[in-house]
Amino acid sequence: MHKNAMDWIAIVLVIIGGINWGLVGLFEWDLVMFIFGDMTILSRVIYSLVGLSALWMIYYISKE
């Protein structure tokens, strides 16, 4: 299946989110918070984009 730009963006953000959750689970260290601050507008945008990307991935895998 051909991947468009939205698919690639979602894939990258889901991978980033997965790595971040792995760091939180293993080391209690939140990379997004470290880079962008604790619940700043920018960190909330990043968390929201990762969540929307996960929803996009559900759509992406269901359209095959």
PDB file of N, CA and C in Angstrom:
ATOM      1  N   MET A   1       0.839  -1.175   0.000  1.00  0.00           N
ATOM      2  CA  MET A   1       0.000   0.000   0.000  1.00  0.00           C
ATOM      3  C   MET A   1       0.889   1.245   0.000  1.00  0.00           C
ATOM      4  N   HIS A   2       0.543   2.209  -0.836  1.00  0.00           N
ATOM      5  CA  HIS A   2       1.293   3.455  -0.937  1.00  0.00           C
ATOM      6  C   HIS A   2       1.016   4.346   0.274  1.00  0.00           C
ATOM      7  N   LYS A   3       2.082   4.911   0.832  1.00  0.00           N
ATOM      8  CA  LYS A   3       1.942   5.796   1.993  1.00  0.00           C
ATOM      9  C   LYS A   3       2.051   7.248   1.543  1.00  0.00           C
ATOM     10  N   ASN A   4       1.075   8.067   1.955  1.00  0.00           N
ATOM     11  CA  ASN A   4       1.140   9.491   1.647  1.00  0.00           C
ATOM     12  C   ASN A   4       1.842  10.220   2.796  1.00  0.00           C
ATOM     13  N   ALA A   5       1.946  11.537   2.674  1.00  0.00           N
ATOM     14  CA  ALA A   5       2.653  12.327   3.688  1.00  0.00           C
ATOM     15  C   ALA A   5       2.002  12.194   5.062  1.00  0.00           C
ATOM     16  N   MET A   6       0.673  12.179   5.106  1.00  0.00           N
ATOM     17  CA  MET A   6      -0.036  12.057   6.389  1.00  0.00           C
ATOM     18  C   MET A   6       0.298  10.731   7.058  1.00  0.00           C
ATOM     19  N   ASP A   7       0.377   9.665   6.276  1.00  0.00           N
ATOM     20  CA  ASP A   7       0.722   8.350   6.820  1.00  0.00           C
ATOM     21  C   ASP A   7       2.114   8.379   7.441  1.00  0.00           C
ATOM     22  N   TRP A   8       3.078   8.966   6.738  1.00  0.00           N
ATOM     23  CA  TRP A   8       4.456   9.015   7.247  1.00  0.00           C
ATOM     24  C   TRP A   8       4.567   9.873   8.496  1.00  0.00           C
ATOM     25  N   ILE A   9       3.865  11.000   8.518  1.00  0.00           N
ATOM     26  CA  ILE A   9       3.874  11.857   9.709  1.00  0.00           C
ATOM     27  C   ILE A   9       3.308  11.098  10.900  1.00  0.00           C
ATOM     28  N   ALA A  10       2.201  10.400  10.676  1.00  0.00           N
ATOM     29  CA  ALA A  10       1.581   9.629  11.756  1.00  0.00           C
ATOM     30  C   ALA A  10       2.502   8.517  12.238  1.00  0.00           C
ATOM     31  N   ILE A  11       3.163   7.842  11.323  1.00  0.00           N
ATOM     32  CA  ILE A  11       4.087   6.768  11.698  1.00  0.00           C
ATOM     33  C   ILE A  11       5.208   7.317  12.577  1.00  0.00           C
ATOM     34  N   VAL A  12       5.804   8.421  12.159  1.00  0.00           N
ATOM     35  CA  VAL A  12       6.906   9.015  12.928  1.00  0.00           C
ATOM     36  C   VAL A  12       6.428   9.450  14.311  1.00  0.00           C
ATOM     37  N   LEU A  13       5.262  10.102  14.384  1.00  0.00           N
ATOM     38  CA  LEU A  13       4.764  10.563  15.679  1.00  0.00           C
ATOM     39  C   LEU A  13       4.390   9.405  16.599  1.00  0.00           C
ATOM     40  N   VAL A  14       3.848   8.337  16.048  1.00  0.00           N
ATOM     41  CA  VAL A  14       3.530   7.168  16.873  1.00  0.00           C
ATOM     42  C   VAL A  14       4.814   6.517  17.396  1.00  0.00           C
ATOM     43  N   ILE A  15       5.840   6.472  16.585  1.00  0.00           N
ATOM     44  CA  ILE A  15       7.132   5.935  17.044  1.00  0.00           C
ATOM     45  C   ILE A  15       7.704   6.814  18.150  1.00  0.00           C
ATOM     46  N   ILE A  16       7.662   8.141  17.962  1.00  0.00           N
ATOM     47  CA  ILE A  16       8.140   9.048  19.000  1.00  0.00           C
ATOM     48  C   ILE A  16       7.352   8.855  20.287  1.00  0.00           C
ATOM     49  N   GLY A  17       6.032   8.741  20.158  1.00  0.00           N
ATOM     50  CA  GLY A  17       5.191   8.519  21.333  1.00  0.00           C
ATOM     51  C   GLY A  17       5.509   7.208  22.028  1.00  0.00           C
ATOM     52  N   GLY A  18       5.753   6.168  21.243  1.00  0.00           N
ATOM     53  CA  GLY A  18       6.101   4.876  21.828  1.00  0.00           C
ATOM     54  C   GLY A  18       7.421   4.915  22.563  1.00  0.00           C
ATOM     55  N   ILE A  19       8.392   5.589  21.978  1.00  0.00           N
ATOM     56  CA  ILE A  19       9.689   5.735  22.653  1.00  0.00           C
ATOM     57  C   ILE A  19       9.525   6.529  23.937  1.00  0.00           C
ATOM     58  N   ASN A  20       8.734   7.607  23.878  1.00  0.00           N
ATOM     59  CA  ASN A  20       8.522   8.425  25.072  1.00  0.00           C
ATOM     60  C   ASN A  20       7.863   7.602  26.177  1.00  0.00           C
ATOM     61  N   TRP A  21       6.824   6.829  25.850  1.00  0.00           N
ATOM     62  CA  TRP A  21       6.168   6.002  26.869  1.00  0.00           C
ATOM     63  C   TRP A  21       7.108   4.926  27.400  1.00  0.00           C
ATOM     64  N   GLY A  22       7.977   4.406  26.545  1.00  0.00           N
ATOM     65  CA  GLY A  22       8.975   3.443  27.015  1.00  0.00           C
ATOM     66  C   GLY A  22       9.928   4.074  28.024  1.00  0.00           C
ATOM     67  N   LEU A  23      10.354   5.293  27.738  1.00  0.00           N
ATOM     68  CA  LEU A  23      11.235   6.004  28.673  1.00  0.00           C
ATOM     69  C   LEU A  23      10.523   6.299  29.991  1.00  0.00           C
ATOM     70  N   VAL A  24       9.242   6.667  29.912  1.00  0.00           N
ATOM     71  CA  VAL A  24       8.473   6.924  31.134  1.00  0.00           C
ATOM     72  C   VAL A  24       8.347   5.639  31.943  1.00  0.00           C
ATOM     73  N   GLY A  25       8.025   4.542  31.282  1.00  0.00           N
ATOM     74  CA  GLY A  25       7.831   3.274  31.981  1.00  0.00           C
ATOM     75  C   GLY A  25       9.103   2.704  32.583  1.00  0.00           C
ATOM     76  N   LEU A  26      10.198   2.820  31.851  1.00  0.00           N
ATOM     77  CA  LEU A  26      11.450   2.224  32.315  1.00  0.00           C
ATOM     78  C   LEU A  26      12.231   3.108  33.281  1.00  0.00           C
ATOM     79  N   PHE A  27      12.225   4.410  33.018  1.00  0.00           N
ATOM     80  CA  PHE A  27      13.106   5.307  33.769  1.00  0.00           C
ATOM     81  C   PHE A  27      12.390   6.468  34.452  1.00  0.00           C
ATOM     82  N   GLU A  28      11.059   6.507  34.336  1.00  0.00           N
ATOM     83  CA  GLU A  28      10.273   7.626  34.869  1.00  0.00           C
ATOM     84  C   GLU A  28      10.802   8.958  34.341  1.00  0.00           C
ATOM     85  N   TRP A  29      11.143   8.994  33.053  1.00  0.00           N
ATOM     86  CA  TRP A  29      11.694  10.180  32.418  1.00  0.00           C
ATOM     87  C   TRP A  29      10.899  10.482  31.155  1.00  0.00           C
ATOM     88  N   ASP A  30      10.263  11.641  31.122  1.00  0.00           N
ATOM     89  CA  ASP A  30       9.404  12.051  30.014  1.00  0.00           C
ATOM     90  C   ASP A  30      10.197  12.970  29.087  1.00  0.00           C
ATOM     91  N   LEU A  31      10.530  12.465  27.906  1.00  0.00           N
ATOM     92  CA  LEU A  31      11.337  13.208  26.946  1.00  0.00           C
ATOM     93  C   LEU A  31      10.624  14.468  26.474  1.00  0.00           C
ATOM     94  N   VAL A  32       9.328  14.382  26.209  1.00  0.00           N
ATOM     95  CA  VAL A  32       8.577  15.555  25.750  1.00  0.00           C
ATOM     96  C   VAL A  32       8.597  16.642  26.821  1.00  0.00           C
ATOM     97  N   MET A  33       8.373  16.261  28.065  1.00  0.00           N
ATOM     98  CA  MET A  33       8.400  17.226  29.152  1.00  0.00           C
ATOM     99  C   MET A  33       9.805  17.834  29.297  1.00  0.00           C
ATOM    100  N   PHE A  34      10.830  17.015  29.138  1.00  0.00           N
ATOM    101  CA  PHE A  34      12.203  17.487  29.247  1.00  0.00           C
ATOM    102  C   PHE A  34      12.507  18.542  28.184  1.00  0.00           C
ATOM    103  N   ILE A  35      12.044  18.305  26.957  1.00  0.00           N
ATOM    104  CA  ILE A  35      12.348  19.216  25.857  1.00  0.00           C
ATOM    105  C   ILE A  35      11.452  20.454  25.874  1.00  0.00           C
ATOM    106  N   PHE A  36      10.134  20.255  26.086  1.00  0.00           N
ATOM    107  CA  PHE A  36       9.178  21.346  25.906  1.00  0.00           C
ATOM    108  C   PHE A  36       8.596  21.904  27.195  1.00  0.00           C
ATOM    109  N   GLY A  37       8.884  21.290  28.333  1.00  0.00           N
ATOM    110  CA  GLY A  37       8.368  21.778  29.607  1.00  0.00           C
ATOM    111  C   GLY A  37       7.158  20.970  30.070  1.00  0.00           C
ATOM    112  N   ASP A  38       6.855  21.122  31.350  1.00  0.00           N
ATOM    113  CA  ASP A  38       5.778  20.363  31.986  1.00  0.00           C
ATOM    114  C   ASP A  38       4.420  20.967  31.641  1.00  0.00           C
ATOM    115  N   MET A  39       3.692  20.322  30.750  1.00  0.00           N
ATOM    116  CA  MET A  39       2.349  20.698  30.318  1.00  0.00           C
ATOM    117  C   MET A  39       2.266  22.138  29.799  1.00  0.00           C
ATOM    118  N   THR A  40       3.310  22.536  29.059  1.00  0.00           N
ATOM    119  CA  THR A  40       3.241  23.802  28.344  1.00  0.00           C
ATOM    120  C   THR A  40       2.319  23.612  27.143  1.00  0.00           C
ATOM    121  N   ILE A  41       1.975  24.701  26.510  1.00  0.00           N
ATOM    122  CA  ILE A  41       1.125  24.613  25.320  1.00  0.00           C
ATOM    123  C   ILE A  41       1.785  23.722  24.268  1.00  0.00           C
ATOM    124  N   LEU A  42       3.081  23.892  24.073  1.00  0.00           N
ATOM    125  CA  LEU A  42       3.781  23.104  23.061  1.00  0.00           C
ATOM    126  C   LEU A  42       3.806  21.622  23.412  1.00  0.00           C
ATOM    127  N   SER A  43       4.037  21.278  24.654  1.00  0.00           N
ATOM    128  CA  SER A  43       4.038  19.860  25.026  1.00  0.00           C
ATOM    129  C   SER A  43       2.629  19.267  24.885  1.00  0.00           C
ATOM    130  N   ARG A  44       1.605  20.040  25.200  1.00  0.00           N
ATOM    131  CA  ARG A  44       0.232  19.553  25.024  1.00  0.00           C
ATOM    132  C   ARG A  44      -0.088  19.334  23.548  1.00  0.00           C
ATOM    133  N   VAL A  45       0.440  20.201  22.685  1.00  0.00           N
ATOM    134  CA  VAL A  45       0.265  20.023  21.239  1.00  0.00           C
ATOM    135  C   VAL A  45       0.943  18.733  20.789  1.00  0.00           C
ATOM    136  N   ILE A  46       2.156  18.486  21.268  1.00  0.00           N
ATOM    137  CA  ILE A  46       2.883  17.266  20.904  1.00  0.00           C
ATOM    138  C   ILE A  46       2.103  16.031  21.355  1.00  0.00           C
ATOM    139  N   TYR A  47       1.651  16.015  22.619  1.00  0.00           N
ATOM    140  CA  TYR A  47       0.875  14.881  23.122  1.00  0.00           C
ATOM    141  C   TYR A  47      -0.400  14.691  22.288  1.00  0.00           C
ATOM    142  N   SER A  48      -1.053  15.776  21.936  1.00  0.00           N
ATOM    143  CA  SER A  48      -2.292  15.689  21.142  1.00  0.00           C
ATOM    144  C   SER A  48      -2.013  15.149  19.748  1.00  0.00           C
ATOM    145  N   LEU A  49      -0.934  15.607  19.134  1.00  0.00           N
ATOM    146  CA  LEU A  49      -0.584  15.113  17.797  1.00  0.00           C
ATOM    147  C   LEU A  49      -0.236  13.628  17.822  1.00  0.00           C
ATOM    148  N   VAL A  50       0.447  13.186  18.869  1.00  0.00           N
ATOM    149  CA  VAL A  50       0.766  11.762  18.996  1.00  0.00           C
ATOM    150  C   VAL A  50      -0.526  10.951  19.139  1.00  0.00           C
ATOM    151  N   GLY A  51      -1.459  11.437  19.952  1.00  0.00           N
ATOM    152  CA  GLY A  51      -2.738  10.750  20.113  1.00  0.00           C
ATOM    153  C   GLY A  51      -3.534  10.707  18.822  1.00  0.00           C
ATOM    154  N   LEU A  52      -3.590  11.819  18.099  1.00  0.00           N
ATOM    155  CA  LEU A  52      -4.284  11.844  16.810  1.00  0.00           C
ATOM    156  C   LEU A  52      -3.604  10.930  15.802  1.00  0.00           C
ATOM    157  N   SER A  53      -2.288  10.858  15.869  1.00  0.00           N
ATOM    158  CA  SER A  53      -1.547   9.959  14.975  1.00  0.00           C
ATOM    159  C   SER A  53      -1.892   8.503  15.253  1.00  0.00           C
ATOM    160  N   ALA A  54      -2.075   8.164  16.525  1.00  0.00           N
ATOM    161  CA  ALA A  54      -2.474   6.796  16.864  1.00  0.00           C
ATOM    162  C   ALA A  54      -3.843   6.488  16.275  1.00  0.00           C
ATOM    163  N   LEU A  55      -4.763   7.443  16.341  1.00  0.00           N
ATOM    164  CA  LEU A  55      -6.079   7.244  15.728  1.00  0.00           C
ATOM    165  C   LEU A  55      -5.955   7.107  14.219  1.00  0.00           C
ATOM    166  N   TRP A  56      -5.088   7.906  13.614  1.00  0.00           N
ATOM    167  CA  TRP A  56      -4.862   7.803  12.172  1.00  0.00           C
ATOM    168  C   TRP A  56      -4.318   6.415  11.812  1.00  0.00           C
ATOM    169  N   MET A  57      -3.426   5.888  12.660  1.00  0.00           N
ATOM    170  CA  MET A  57      -2.873   4.562  12.384  1.00  0.00           C
ATOM    171  C   MET A  57      -3.950   3.478  12.461  1.00  0.00           C
ATOM    172  N   ILE A  58      -4.912   3.646  13.358  1.00  0.00           N
ATOM    173  CA  ILE A  58      -6.036   2.700  13.397  1.00  0.00           C
ATOM    174  C   ILE A  58      -6.785   2.752  12.068  1.00  0.00           C
ATOM    175  N   TYR A  59      -7.040   3.955  11.581  1.00  0.00           N
ATOM    176  CA  TYR A  59      -7.696   4.104  10.263  1.00  0.00           C
ATOM    177  C   TYR A  59      -6.815   3.507   9.165  1.00  0.00           C
ATOM    178  N   TYR A  60      -5.535   3.804   9.190  1.00  0.00           N
ATOM    179  CA  TYR A  60      -4.614   3.343   8.154  1.00  0.00           C
ATOM    180  C   TYR A  60      -4.584   1.820   8.045  1.00  0.00           C
ATOM    181  N   ILE A  61      -4.487   1.142   9.190  1.00  0.00           N
ATOM    182  CA  ILE A  61      -4.406  -0.328   9.117  1.00  0.00           C
ATOM    183  C   ILE A  61      -5.755  -0.956   8.794  1.00  0.00           C
ATOM    184  N   SER A  62      -6.849  -0.231   9.018  1.00  0.00           N
ATOM    185  CA  SER A  62      -8.161  -0.802   8.719  1.00  0.00           C
ATOM    186  C   SER A  62      -8.572  -0.622   7.269  1.00  0.00           C
ATOM    187  N   LYS A  63      -7.879   0.223   6.504  1.00  0.00           N
ATOM    188  CA  LYS A  63      -8.281   0.467   5.115  1.00  0.00           C
ATOM    189  C   LYS A  63      -7.665  -0.513   4.127  1.00  0.00           C
ATOM    190  N   GLU A  64      -6.917  -1.486   4.599  1.00  0.00           N
ATOM    191  CA  GLU A  64      -6.333  -2.487   3.689  1.00  0.00           C
ATOM    192  C   GLU A  64      -7.379  -3.447   3.200  1.00  0.00           C
TER     193      GLU A  64
END
